[in-house]
């Protein structure tokens, strides 16, 4: 899905905006397809903040 981030950036979004857009899409999909919530979370997991990104233990 790095391709999706790059495509959004090519359309003029910053990386932060692209990641936020992906979060909105994820939440929308989970709302519309609640039975697939776990699968959707797994699919989009790599786009959320990572534990190593957190400077506080």
PDB file of N, CA and C in Angstrom:
ATOM      1  N   UNK A   1       0.814  -1.192   0.000  1.00  0.00           N
ATOM      2  CA  UNK A   1       0.000   0.000   0.000  1.00  0.00           C
ATOM      3  C   UNK A   1       0.854   1.251   0.000  1.00  0.00           C
ATOM      4  N   UNK A   2       2.154   1.052  -0.005  1.00  0.00           N
ATOM      5  CA  UNK A   2       3.047   2.205  -0.170  1.00  0.00           C
ATOM      6  C   UNK A   2       2.685   2.927  -1.459  1.00  0.00           C
ATOM      7  N   UNK A   3       2.212   2.145  -2.447  1.00  0.00           N
ATOM      8  CA  UNK A   3       1.782   2.738  -3.709  1.00  0.00           C
ATOM      9  C   UNK A   3       0.645   3.731  -3.486  1.00  0.00           C
ATOM     10  N   UNK A   4      -0.277   3.388  -2.587  1.00  0.00           N
ATOM     11  CA  UNK A   4      -1.410   4.264  -2.309  1.00  0.00           C
ATOM     12  C   UNK A   4      -0.932   5.572  -1.690  1.00  0.00           C
ATOM     13  N   UNK A   5      -0.011   5.499  -0.754  1.00  0.00           N
ATOM     14  CA  UNK A   5       0.524   6.714  -0.142  1.00  0.00           C
ATOM     15  C   UNK A   5       1.210   7.576  -1.205  1.00  0.00           C
ATOM     16  N   UNK A   6       2.006   6.946  -2.056  1.00  0.00           N
ATOM     17  CA  UNK A   6       2.698   7.687  -3.113  1.00  0.00           C
ATOM     18  C   UNK A   6       1.708   8.324  -4.089  1.00  0.00           C
ATOM     19  N   UNK A   7       0.646   7.598  -4.398  1.00  0.00           N
ATOM     20  CA  UNK A   7      -0.369   8.133  -5.307  1.00  0.00           C
ATOM     21  C   UNK A   7      -1.066   9.345  -4.688  1.00  0.00           C
ATOM     22  N   UNK A   8      -1.386   9.253  -3.402  1.00  0.00           N
ATOM     23  CA  UNK A   8      -2.019  10.379  -2.714  1.00  0.00           C
ATOM     24  C   UNK A   8      -1.073  11.575  -2.641  1.00  0.00           C
ATOM     25  N   UNK A   9       0.198  11.311  -2.407  1.00  0.00           N
ATOM     26  CA  UNK A   9       1.175  12.393  -2.377  1.00  0.00           C
ATOM     27  C   UNK A   9       1.325  13.034  -3.759  1.00  0.00           C
ATOM     28  N   UNK A  10       1.251  12.231  -4.804  1.00  0.00           N
ATOM     29  CA  UNK A  10       1.333  12.763  -6.167  1.00  0.00           C
ATOM     30  C   UNK A  10       0.139  13.662  -6.493  1.00  0.00           C
ATOM     31  N   UNK A  11      -0.960  13.436  -5.785  1.00  0.00           N
ATOM     32  CA  UNK A  11      -2.150  14.266  -5.973  1.00  0.00           C
ATOM     33  C   UNK A  11      -2.104  15.539  -5.136  1.00  0.00           C
ATOM     34  N   UNK A  12      -1.000  15.736  -4.414  1.00  0.00           N
ATOM     35  CA  UNK A  12      -0.821  16.972  -3.681  1.00  0.00           C
ATOM     36  C   UNK A  12      -0.975  16.883  -2.175  1.00  0.00           C
ATOM     37  N   UNK A  13      -1.213  15.695  -1.640  1.00  0.00           N
ATOM     38  CA  UNK A  13      -1.330  15.541  -0.193  1.00  0.00           C
ATOM     39  C   UNK A  13       0.056  15.377   0.412  1.00  0.00           C
ATOM     40  N   UNK A  14       0.197  15.841   1.642  1.00  0.00           N
ATOM     41  CA  UNK A  14       1.426  15.567   2.373  1.00  0.00           C
ATOM     42  C   UNK A  14       1.352  14.119   2.856  1.00  0.00           C
ATOM     43  N   UNK A  15       2.466  13.601   3.336  1.00  0.00           N
ATOM     44  CA  UNK A  15       2.441  12.229   3.845  1.00  0.00           C
ATOM     45  C   UNK A  15       1.468  12.114   5.022  1.00  0.00           C
ATOM     46  N   UNK A  16       1.462  13.110   5.889  1.00  0.00           N
ATOM     47  CA  UNK A  16       0.542  13.099   7.034  1.00  0.00           C
ATOM     48  C   UNK A  16      -0.911  13.097   6.563  1.00  0.00           C
ATOM     49  N   UNK A  17      -1.225  13.902   5.561  1.00  0.00           N
ATOM     50  CA  UNK A  17      -2.586  13.931   5.030  1.00  0.00           C
ATOM     51  C   UNK A  17      -2.946  12.609   4.371  1.00  0.00           C
ATOM     52  N   UNK A  18      -1.998  12.006   3.672  1.00  0.00           N
ATOM     53  CA  UNK A  18      -2.248  10.719   3.015  1.00  0.00           C
ATOM     54  C   UNK A  18      -2.540   9.645   4.058  1.00  0.00           C
ATOM     55  N   UNK A  19      -1.757   9.629   5.131  1.00  0.00           N
ATOM     56  CA  UNK A  19      -1.981   8.640   6.191  1.00  0.00           C
ATOM     57  C   UNK A  19      -3.335   8.871   6.855  1.00  0.00           C
ATOM     58  N   UNK A  20      -3.721  10.118   7.050  1.00  0.00           N
ATOM     59  CA  UNK A  20      -5.028  10.431   7.647  1.00  0.00           C
ATOM     60  C   UNK A  20      -6.158   9.993   6.710  1.00  0.00           C
ATOM     61  N   UNK A  21      -5.975  10.209   5.413  1.00  0.00           N
ATOM     62  CA  UNK A  21      -6.978   9.783   4.435  1.00  0.00           C
ATOM     63  C   UNK A  21      -7.157   8.269   4.483  1.00  0.00           C
ATOM     64  N   UNK A  22      -6.066   7.549   4.595  1.00  0.00           N
ATOM     65  CA  UNK A  22      -6.135   6.088   4.689  1.00  0.00           C
ATOM     66  C   UNK A  22      -6.878   5.680   5.955  1.00  0.00           C
ATOM     67  N   UNK A  23      -6.642   6.381   7.056  1.00  0.00           N
ATOM     68  CA  UNK A  23      -7.347   6.097   8.316  1.00  0.00           C
ATOM     69  C   UNK A  23      -8.852   6.305   8.152  1.00  0.00           C
ATOM     70  N   UNK A  24      -9.241   7.369   7.462  1.00  0.00           N
ATOM     71  CA  UNK A  24     -10.658   7.647   7.225  1.00  0.00           C
ATOM     72  C   UNK A  24     -11.268   6.533   6.370  1.00  0.00           C
ATOM     73  N   UNK A  25     -10.556   6.123   5.344  1.00  0.00           N
ATOM     74  CA  UNK A  25     -11.035   5.049   4.466  1.00  0.00           C
ATOM     75  C   UNK A  25     -11.201   3.751   5.258  1.00  0.00           C
ATOM     76  N   UNK A  26     -10.220   3.452   6.109  1.00  0.00           N
ATOM     77  CA  UNK A  26     -10.277   2.240   6.936  1.00  0.00           C
ATOM     78  C   UNK A  26     -11.514   2.260   7.833  1.00  0.00           C
ATOM     79  N   UNK A  27     -11.726   3.364   8.512  1.00  0.00           N
ATOM     80  CA  UNK A  27     -12.873   3.462   9.417  1.00  0.00           C
ATOM     81  C   UNK A  27     -14.199   3.379   8.661  1.00  0.00           C
ATOM     82  N   UNK A  28     -14.252   3.969   7.479  1.00  0.00           N
ATOM     83  CA  UNK A  28     -15.455   3.902   6.650  1.00  0.00           C
ATOM     84  C   UNK A  28     -15.736   2.452   6.251  1.00  0.00           C
ATOM     85  N   UNK A  29     -14.700   1.749   5.814  1.00  0.00           N
ATOM     86  CA  UNK A  29     -14.865   0.356   5.405  1.00  0.00           C
ATOM     87  C   UNK A  29     -15.328  -0.502   6.579  1.00  0.00           C
ATOM     88  N   UNK A  30     -14.755  -0.273   7.764  1.00  0.00           N
ATOM     89  CA  UNK A  30     -15.164  -1.040   8.939  1.00  0.00           C
ATOM     90  C   UNK A  30     -16.608  -0.750   9.317  1.00  0.00           C
ATOM     91  N   UNK A  31     -17.034   0.479   9.138  1.00  0.00           N
ATOM     92  CA  UNK A  31     -18.417   0.853   9.443  1.00  0.00           C
ATOM     93  C   UNK A  31     -19.392   0.173   8.476  1.00  0.00           C
ATOM     94  N   UNK A  32     -19.016   0.125   7.213  1.00  0.00           N
ATOM     95  CA  UNK A  32     -19.894  -0.450   6.192  1.00  0.00           C
ATOM     96  C   UNK A  32     -19.827  -1.970   6.147  1.00  0.00           C
ATOM     97  N   UNK A  33     -18.703  -2.538   6.572  1.00  0.00           N
ATOM     98  CA  UNK A  33     -18.508  -3.990   6.528  1.00  0.00           C
ATOM     99  C   UNK A  33     -18.036  -4.491   7.892  1.00  0.00           C
ATOM    100  N   UNK A  34     -18.880  -4.385   8.917  1.00  0.00           N
ATOM    101  CA  UNK A  34     -18.440  -4.723  10.273  1.00  0.00           C
ATOM    102  C   UNK A  34     -17.968  -6.172  10.438  1.00  0.00           C
ATOM    103  N   UNK A  35     -18.486  -7.080   9.656  1.00  0.00           N
ATOM    104  CA  UNK A  35     -18.048  -8.478   9.758  1.00  0.00           C
ATOM    105  C   UNK A  35     -16.587  -8.659   9.358  1.00  0.00           C
ATOM    106  N   UNK A  36     -16.065  -7.716   8.603  1.00  0.00           N
ATOM    107  CA  UNK A  36     -14.687  -7.807   8.129  1.00  0.00           C
ATOM    108  C   UNK A  36     -13.755  -6.868   8.877  1.00  0.00           C
ATOM    109  N   UNK A  37     -14.192  -6.371  10.032  1.00  0.00           N
ATOM    110  CA  UNK A  37     -13.406  -5.412  10.813  1.00  0.00           C
ATOM    111  C   UNK A  37     -12.004  -5.882  11.118  1.00  0.00           C
ATOM    112  N   UNK A  38     -11.856  -7.139  11.524  1.00  0.00           N
ATOM    113  CA  UNK A  38     -10.533  -7.674  11.842  1.00  0.00           C
ATOM    114  C   UNK A  38      -9.627  -7.729  10.631  1.00  0.00           C
ATOM    115  N   UNK A  39     -10.178  -8.147   9.521  1.00  0.00           N
ATOM    116  CA  UNK A  39      -9.403  -8.231   8.275  1.00  0.00           C
ATOM    117  C   UNK A  39      -8.987  -6.836   7.827  1.00  0.00           C
ATOM    118  N   UNK A  40      -9.911  -5.899   7.929  1.00  0.00           N
ATOM    119  CA  UNK A  40      -9.621  -4.522   7.525  1.00  0.00           C
ATOM    120  C   UNK A  40      -8.521  -3.948   8.417  1.00  0.00           C
ATOM    121  N   UNK A  41      -8.606  -4.193   9.720  1.00  0.00           N
ATOM    122  CA  UNK A  41      -7.566  -3.715  10.634  1.00  0.00           C
ATOM    123  C   UNK A  41      -6.202  -4.274  10.254  1.00  0.00           C
ATOM    124  N   UNK A  42      -6.162  -5.571   9.947  1.00  0.00           N
ATOM    125  CA  UNK A  42      -4.892  -6.206   9.566  1.00  0.00           C
ATOM    126  C   UNK A  42      -4.356  -5.612   8.271  1.00  0.00           C
ATOM    127  N   UNK A  43      -5.248  -5.388   7.332  1.00  0.00           N
ATOM    128  CA  UNK A  43      -4.837  -4.872   6.036  1.00  0.00           C
ATOM    129  C   UNK A  43      -4.219  -3.479   6.166  1.00  0.00           C
ATOM    130  N   UNK A  44      -4.775  -2.664   7.053  1.00  0.00           N
ATOM    131  CA  UNK A  44      -4.317  -1.294   7.201  1.00  0.00           C
ATOM    132  C   UNK A  44      -3.338  -1.102   8.361  1.00  0.00           C
ATOM    133  N   UNK A  45      -3.004  -2.155   9.083  1.00  0.00           N
ATOM    134  CA  UNK A  45      -2.176  -2.038  10.289  1.00  0.00           C
ATOM    135  C   UNK A  45      -0.844  -1.346  10.038  1.00  0.00           C
ATOM    136  N   UNK A  46      -0.250  -1.591   8.900  1.00  0.00           N
ATOM    137  CA  UNK A  46       1.074  -1.013   8.659  1.00  0.00           C
ATOM    138  C   UNK A  46       1.037   0.493   8.438  1.00  0.00           C
ATOM    139  N   UNK A  47      -0.161   1.079   8.335  1.00  0.00           N
ATOM    140  CA  UNK A  47      -0.257   2.521   8.113  1.00  0.00           C
ATOM    141  C   UNK A  47      -0.498   3.306   9.387  1.00  0.00           C
ATOM    142  N   UNK A  48      -0.749   2.623  10.491  1.00  0.00           N
ATOM    143  CA  UNK A  48      -0.959   3.313  11.749  1.00  0.00           C
ATOM    144  C   UNK A  48       0.362   3.628  12.422  1.00  0.00           C
ATOM    145  N   UNK A  49       0.309   4.372  13.504  1.00  0.00           N
ATOM    146  CA  UNK A  49       1.551   4.643  14.235  1.00  0.00           C
ATOM    147  C   UNK A  49       2.122   3.359  14.801  1.00  0.00           C
ATOM    148  N   UNK A  50       3.409   3.235  14.735  1.00  0.00           N
ATOM    149  CA  UNK A  50       4.080   2.046  15.237  1.00  0.00           C
ATOM    150  C   UNK A  50       4.565   2.311  16.656  1.00  0.00           C
ATOM    151  N   UNK A  51       4.695   1.248  17.440  1.00  0.00           N
ATOM    152  CA  UNK A  51       5.168   1.407  18.817  1.00  0.00           C
ATOM    153  C   UNK A  51       6.554   2.037  18.851  1.00  0.00           C
ATOM    154  N   UNK A  52       7.418   1.684  17.890  1.00  0.00           N
ATOM    155  CA  UNK A  52       8.754   2.254  17.897  1.00  0.00           C
ATOM    156  C   UNK A  52       8.739   3.747  17.545  1.00  0.00           C
ATOM    157  N   UNK A  53       7.620   4.243  16.965  1.00  0.00           N
ATOM    158  CA  UNK A  53       7.488   5.668  16.668  1.00  0.00           C
ATOM    159  C   UNK A  53       7.190   6.471  17.932  1.00  0.00           C
ATOM    160  N   UNK A  54       6.734   5.799  18.973  1.00  0.00           N
ATOM    161  CA  UNK A  54       6.385   6.468  20.208  1.00  0.00           C
ATOM    162  C   UNK A  54       7.647   6.698  21.027  1.00  0.00           C
ATOM    163  N   UNK A  55       7.918   7.951  21.357  1.00  0.00           N
ATOM    164  CA  UNK A  55       9.126   8.252  22.092  1.00  0.00           C
ATOM    165  C   UNK A  55       8.984   8.004  23.596  1.00  0.00           C
ATOM    166  N   UNK A  56       7.767   7.767  24.062  1.00  0.00           N
ATOM    167  CA  UNK A  56       7.530   7.479  25.475  1.00  0.00           C
ATOM    168  C   UNK A  56       7.330   5.973  25.649  1.00  0.00           C
ATOM    169  N   UNK A  57       8.085   5.330  26.533  1.00  0.00           N
ATOM    170  CA  UNK A  57       7.903   3.879  26.717  1.00  0.00           C
ATOM    171  C   UNK A  57       6.617   3.561  27.422  1.00  0.00           C
TER     172      UNK A  57
END
